[in-house]
């Protein structure tokens, strides 16, 4: 390589043997860049504020006040409807609980009655002594007429038309 090529190579890639030389060369070669002035942004034209007469200002303030009152009334109305729905839902839940409690109470009552009846039956069986006498039952004869025999059905009519190929 020629000397000019070596210089170009060293300037481009730097000398790989000594890092100090590179730092020194860089500091000598590169002067501090001067800060460039930032381009000035064109100022926007400010609009003039709309001037209002006191009557206009008063009218707008009244409209604002009415709007706030209307919005408040609507919010209160929606909140009231929400509370009513919530109360109805709670009542429905309470009714369901009461129905379940009543069912369980009925079941308990029936179980108690069943126990009482079983005790009575056991006491009755204990108090009764078996007897050797046969039990006399009265049997009443009920006469029933035999049902009428079913009427024979007439024979079904056959078609007079000859059978077709497709049927």
C-alpha atoms as a PDB file:
ATOM      1  CA  UNK A   1       0.000   0.000   0.000  1.00  0.00           C
ATOM      2  CA  UNK A   2       1.054   3.474  -0.555  1.00  0.00           C
ATOM      3  CA  UNK A   3       1.466   6.079   2.119  1.00  0.00           C
ATOM      4  CA  UNK A   4      -1.652   7.940   1.066  1.00  0.00           C
ATOM      5  CA  UNK A   5      -3.677   4.740   1.267  1.00  0.00           C
ATOM      6  CA  UNK A   6      -2.265   3.984   4.742  1.00  0.00           C
ATOM      7  CA  UNK A   7      -3.177   7.453   5.932  1.00  0.00           C
ATOM      8  CA  UNK A   8      -6.665   7.042   4.526  1.00  0.00           C
ATOM      9  CA  UNK A   9      -7.027   3.642   6.173  1.00  0.00           C
ATOM     10  CA  UNK A  10      -5.792   4.923   9.516  1.00  0.00           C
ATOM     11  CA  UNK A  11      -8.065   7.954   9.383  1.00  0.00           C
ATOM     12  CA  UNK A  12     -11.038   5.804   8.461  1.00  0.00           C
ATOM     13  CA  UNK A  13     -10.517   2.805  10.700  1.00  0.00           C
ATOM     14  CA  UNK A  14      -7.990   4.190  13.112  1.00  0.00           C
ATOM     15  CA  UNK A  15      -4.693   2.748  14.189  1.00  0.00           C
ATOM     16  CA  UNK A  16      -5.404  -0.560  15.821  1.00  0.00           C
ATOM     17  CA  UNK A  17      -2.146  -0.676  17.771  1.00  0.00           C
ATOM     18  CA  UNK A  18      -2.533   2.406  19.928  1.00  0.00           C
ATOM     19  CA  UNK A  19      -5.775   3.786  21.169  1.00  0.00           C
ATOM     20  CA  UNK A  20      -4.141   6.815  22.752  1.00  0.00           C
ATOM     21  CA  UNK A  21      -2.955   8.069  19.429  1.00  0.00           C
ATOM     22  CA  UNK A  22      -6.464   7.822  18.095  1.00  0.00           C
ATOM     23  CA  UNK A  23      -7.860   9.869  20.955  1.00  0.00           C
ATOM     24  CA  UNK A  24      -5.211  12.530  20.476  1.00  0.00           C
ATOM     25  CA  UNK A  25      -5.764  12.660  16.732  1.00  0.00           C
ATOM     26  CA  UNK A  26      -9.490  12.906  17.141  1.00  0.00           C
ATOM     27  CA  UNK A  27      -9.205  15.755  19.579  1.00  0.00           C
ATOM     28  CA  UNK A  28      -6.857  17.598  17.219  1.00  0.00           C
ATOM     29  CA  UNK A  29      -8.743  16.801  14.067  1.00  0.00           C
ATOM     30  CA  UNK A  30     -12.248  17.512  15.238  1.00  0.00           C
ATOM     31  CA  UNK A  31     -12.857  21.005  16.510  1.00  0.00           C
ATOM     32  CA  UNK A  32     -15.955  21.595  18.588  1.00  0.00           C
ATOM     33  CA  UNK A  33     -18.938  22.061  16.375  1.00  0.00           C
ATOM     34  CA  UNK A  34     -20.529  25.410  16.725  1.00  0.00           C
ATOM     35  CA  UNK A  35     -24.113  25.243  17.844  1.00  0.00           C
ATOM     36  CA  UNK A  36     -26.359  25.977  14.945  1.00  0.00           C
ATOM     37  CA  UNK A  37     -29.033  28.469  15.654  1.00  0.00           C
ATOM     38  CA  UNK A  38     -32.411  26.755  15.763  1.00  0.00           C
ATOM     39  CA  UNK A  39     -34.696  27.876  13.033  1.00  0.00           C
ATOM     40  CA  UNK A  40     -37.210  30.233  14.464  1.00  0.00           C
ATOM     41  CA  UNK A  41     -40.768  29.033  14.231  1.00  0.00           C
ATOM     42  CA  UNK A  42     -43.117  31.550  12.802  1.00  0.00           C
ATOM     43  CA  UNK A  43     -45.441  32.756  15.511  1.00  0.00           C
ATOM     44  CA  UNK A  44     -49.081  32.012  15.042  1.00  0.00           C
ATOM     45  CA  UNK A  45     -51.326  34.927  14.804  1.00  0.00           C
ATOM     46  CA  UNK A  46     -53.359  35.206  17.942  1.00  0.00           C
ATOM     47  CA  UNK A  47     -57.032  35.606  17.445  1.00  0.00           C
ATOM     48  CA  UNK A  48     -58.735  38.403  19.156  1.00  0.00           C
ATOM     49  CA  UNK A  49     -61.067  37.303  21.900  1.00  0.00           C
ATOM     50  CA  UNK A  50     -64.667  37.632  21.065  1.00  0.00           C
ATOM     51  CA  UNK A  51     -66.103  40.496  22.947  1.00  0.00           C
ATOM     52  CA  UNK A  52     -69.467  39.928  24.524  1.00  0.00           C
ATOM     53  CA  UNK A  53     -71.931  42.330  25.832  1.00  0.00           C
ATOM     54  CA  UNK A  54     -72.959  41.891  29.461  1.00  0.00           C
ATOM     55  CA  UNK A  55     -76.414  40.690  28.321  1.00  0.00           C
ATOM     56  CA  UNK A  56     -74.857  37.917  26.182  1.00  0.00           C
ATOM     57  CA  UNK A  57     -72.581  36.911  29.003  1.00  0.00           C
ATOM     58  CA  UNK A  58     -75.507  36.799  31.428  1.00  0.00           C
ATOM     59  CA  UNK A  59     -77.595  34.713  28.993  1.00  0.00           C
ATOM     60  CA  UNK A  60     -74.758  32.172  28.545  1.00  0.00           C
ATOM     61  CA  UNK A  61     -74.270  31.915  32.314  1.00  0.00           C
ATOM     62  CA  UNK A  62     -78.010  31.296  32.795  1.00  0.00           C
ATOM     63  CA  UNK A  63     -77.962  28.594  30.097  1.00  0.00           C
ATOM     64  CA  UNK A  64     -75.015  26.968  31.828  1.00  0.00           C
ATOM     65  CA  UNK A  65     -76.814  27.067  35.168  1.00  0.00           C
ATOM     66  CA  UNK A  66     -79.959  25.508  33.665  1.00  0.00           C
ATOM     67  CA  UNK A  67     -77.903  22.806  31.982  1.00  0.00           C
ATOM     68  CA  UNK A  68     -76.180  21.928  35.253  1.00  0.00           C
ATOM     69  CA  UNK A  69     -79.547  21.741  37.045  1.00  0.00           C
ATOM     70  CA  UNK A  70     -80.972  19.481  34.322  1.00  0.00           C
ATOM     71  CA  UNK A  71     -77.940  17.195  34.434  1.00  0.00           C
ATOM     72  CA  UNK A  72     -78.173  16.995  38.233  1.00  0.00           C
ATOM     73  CA  UNK A  73     -81.884  16.120  38.041  1.00  0.00           C
ATOM     74  CA  UNK A  74     -81.167  13.386  35.473  1.00  0.00           C
ATOM     75  CA  UNK A  75     -78.399  11.907  37.626  1.00  0.00           C
ATOM     76  CA  UNK A  76     -80.657  11.899  40.684  1.00  0.00           C
ATOM     77  CA  UNK A  77     -83.436  10.249  38.698  1.00  0.00           C
ATOM     78  CA  UNK A  78     -81.121   7.509  37.449  1.00  0.00           C
ATOM     79  CA  UNK A  79     -79.750   6.959  40.957  1.00  0.00           C
ATOM     80  CA  UNK A  80     -83.272   6.635  42.359  1.00  0.00           C
ATOM     81  CA  UNK A  81     -84.207   4.087  39.686  1.00  0.00           C
ATOM     82  CA  UNK A  82     -81.041   2.144  40.474  1.00  0.00           C
ATOM     83  CA  UNK A  83     -81.867   2.115  44.221  1.00  0.00           C
ATOM     84  CA  UNK A  84     -85.410   0.884  43.503  1.00  0.00           C
ATOM     85  CA  UNK A  85     -84.134  -1.943  41.303  1.00  0.00           C
ATOM     86  CA  UNK A  86     -81.623  -2.907  43.966  1.00  0.00           C
ATOM     87  CA  UNK A  87     -84.339  -2.943  46.646  1.00  0.00           C
ATOM     88  CA  UNK A  88     -86.577  -5.127  44.435  1.00  0.00           C
ATOM     89  CA  UNK A  89     -83.728  -7.538  43.866  1.00  0.00           C
ATOM     90  CA  UNK A  90     -83.056  -7.732  47.617  1.00  0.00           C
ATOM     91  CA  UNK A  91     -86.767  -8.411  48.274  1.00  0.00           C
ATOM     92  CA  UNK A  92     -86.722 -11.200  45.708  1.00  0.00           C
ATOM     93  CA  UNK A  93     -83.703 -12.752  47.411  1.00  0.00           C
ATOM     94  CA  UNK A  94     -85.399 -12.459  50.823  1.00  0.00           C
ATOM     95  CA  UNK A  95     -88.542 -14.157  49.469  1.00  0.00           C
ATOM     96  CA  UNK A  96     -86.466 -17.006  48.090  1.00  0.00           C
ATOM     97  CA  UNK A  97     -84.791 -17.465  51.459  1.00  0.00           C
ATOM     98  CA  UNK A  98     -88.171 -17.445  53.255  1.00  0.00           C
ATOM     99  CA  UNK A  99     -89.609 -20.028  50.863  1.00  0.00           C
ATOM    100  CA  UNK A 100     -86.625 -22.278  51.463  1.00  0.00           C
ATOM    101  CA  UNK A 101     -86.953 -21.822  55.222  1.00  0.00           C
ATOM    102  CA  UNK A 102     -90.675 -22.657  55.091  1.00  0.00           C
ATOM    103  CA  UNK A 103     -89.954 -25.810  53.104  1.00  0.00           C
ATOM    104  CA  UNK A 104     -87.352 -26.904  55.603  1.00  0.00           C
ATOM    105  CA  UNK A 105     -89.797 -26.134  58.449  1.00  0.00           C
ATOM    106  CA  UNK A 106     -92.489 -28.247  56.757  1.00  0.00           C
ATOM    107  CA  UNK A 107     -90.026 -31.072  56.297  1.00  0.00           C
ATOM    108  CA  UNK A 108     -89.093 -30.892  59.979  1.00  0.00           C
ATOM    109  CA  UNK A 109     -92.767 -30.884  60.993  1.00  0.00           C
ATOM    110  CA  UNK A 110     -93.507 -33.887  58.801  1.00  0.00           C
ATOM    111  CA  UNK A 111     -90.516 -35.763  60.200  1.00  0.00           C
ATOM    112  CA  UNK A 112     -91.723 -35.064  63.747  1.00  0.00           C
ATOM    113  CA  UNK A 113     -95.248 -36.261  62.895  1.00  0.00           C
ATOM    114  CA  UNK A 114     -93.810 -39.386  61.317  1.00  0.00           C
ATOM    115  CA  UNK A 115     -91.798 -40.140  64.471  1.00  0.00           C
ATOM    116  CA  UNK A 116     -94.899 -39.633  66.629  1.00  0.00           C
ATOM    117  CA  UNK A 117     -96.997 -41.901  64.433  1.00  0.00           C
ATOM    118  CA  UNK A 118     -94.307 -44.589  64.469  1.00  0.00           C
ATOM    119  CA  UNK A 119     -94.174 -44.426  68.276  1.00  0.00           C
ATOM    120  CA  UNK A 120     -97.962 -44.729  68.481  1.00  0.00           C
ATOM    121  CA  UNK A 121     -97.922 -47.695  66.127  1.00  0.00           C
ATOM    122  CA  UNK A 122     -95.192 -49.422  68.123  1.00  0.00           C
ATOM    123  CA  UNK A 123     -97.102 -48.796  71.376  1.00  0.00           C
ATOM    124  CA  UNK A 124    -100.284 -50.097  69.831  1.00  0.00           C
ATOM    125  CA  UNK A 125     -98.545 -53.234  68.581  1.00  0.00           C
ATOM    126  CA  UNK A 126     -97.036 -53.829  72.006  1.00  0.00           C
ATOM    127  CA  UNK A 127    -100.326 -53.407  73.815  1.00  0.00           C
ATOM    128  CA  UNK A 128    -102.251 -55.705  71.498  1.00  0.00           C
ATOM    129  CA  UNK A 129    -101.781 -59.314  72.298  1.00  0.00           C
ATOM    130  CA  UNK A 130    -102.056 -61.786  69.529  1.00  0.00           C
ATOM    131  CA  UNK A 131    -105.217 -63.869  69.726  1.00  0.00           C
ATOM    132  CA  UNK A 132    -105.810 -67.346  68.420  1.00  0.00           C
ATOM    133  CA  UNK A 133    -109.264 -66.495  67.218  1.00  0.00           C
ATOM    134  CA  UNK A 134    -109.516 -66.106  63.476  1.00  0.00           C
ATOM    135  CA  UNK A 135    -110.381 -62.720  62.262  1.00  0.00           C
ATOM    136  CA  UNK A 136    -113.817 -62.551  60.739  1.00  0.00           C
ATOM    137  CA  UNK A 137    -114.145 -60.530  57.629  1.00  0.00           C
ATOM    138  CA  UNK A 138    -117.388 -59.710  55.991  1.00  0.00           C
ATOM    139  CA  UNK A 139    -117.339 -60.058  52.254  1.00  0.00           C
ATOM    140  CA  UNK A 140    -120.055 -58.546  50.188  1.00  0.00           C
ATOM    141  CA  UNK A 141    -120.710 -59.870  46.770  1.00  0.00           C
ATOM    142  CA  UNK A 142    -120.850 -57.362  44.025  1.00  0.00           C
ATOM    143  CA  UNK A 143    -122.477 -58.419  40.815  1.00  0.00           C
ATOM    144  CA  UNK A 144    -121.039 -57.012  37.664  1.00  0.00           C
ATOM    145  CA  UNK A 145    -122.249 -57.603  34.173  1.00  0.00           C
ATOM    146  CA  UNK A 146    -119.756 -59.041  31.762  1.00  0.00           C
ATOM    147  CA  UNK A 147    -118.613 -56.559  29.166  1.00  0.00           C
ATOM    148  CA  UNK A 148    -120.137 -56.789  25.717  1.00  0.00           C
ATOM    149  CA  UNK A 149    -117.989 -58.573  23.155  1.00  0.00           C
ATOM    150  CA  UNK A 150    -116.373 -56.208  20.679  1.00  0.00           C
ATOM    151  CA  UNK A 151    -118.067 -55.864  17.318  1.00  0.00           C
ATOM    152  CA  UNK A 152    -116.172 -57.357  14.402  1.00  0.00           C
ATOM    153  CA  UNK A 153    -114.708 -54.787  12.075  1.00  0.00           C
ATOM    154  CA  UNK A 154    -115.726 -54.908   8.433  1.00  0.00           C
ATOM    155  CA  UNK A 155    -112.986 -56.064   6.042  1.00  0.00           C
ATOM    156  CA  UNK A 156    -110.924 -53.384   4.445  1.00  0.00           C
ATOM    157  CA  UNK A 157    -111.651 -52.593   0.833  1.00  0.00           C
ATOM    158  CA  UNK A 158    -109.020 -53.288  -1.700  1.00  0.00           C
ATOM    159  CA  UNK A 159    -108.294 -50.849  -4.437  1.00  0.00           C
ATOM    160  CA  UNK A 160    -109.874 -51.563  -7.763  1.00  0.00           C
ATOM    161  CA  UNK A 161    -107.056 -49.870  -9.572  1.00  0.00           C
ATOM    162  CA  UNK A 162    -104.154 -52.088 -10.752  1.00  0.00           C
ATOM    163  CA  UNK A 163    -100.827 -51.644  -9.049  1.00  0.00           C
ATOM    164  CA  UNK A 164     -98.501 -49.293 -10.810  1.00  0.00           C
ATOM    165  CA  UNK A 165     -94.831 -49.910 -11.419  1.00  0.00           C
ATOM    166  CA  UNK A 166     -93.675 -47.157  -9.075  1.00  0.00           C
ATOM    167  CA  UNK A 167     -95.726 -47.993  -6.002  1.00  0.00           C
END
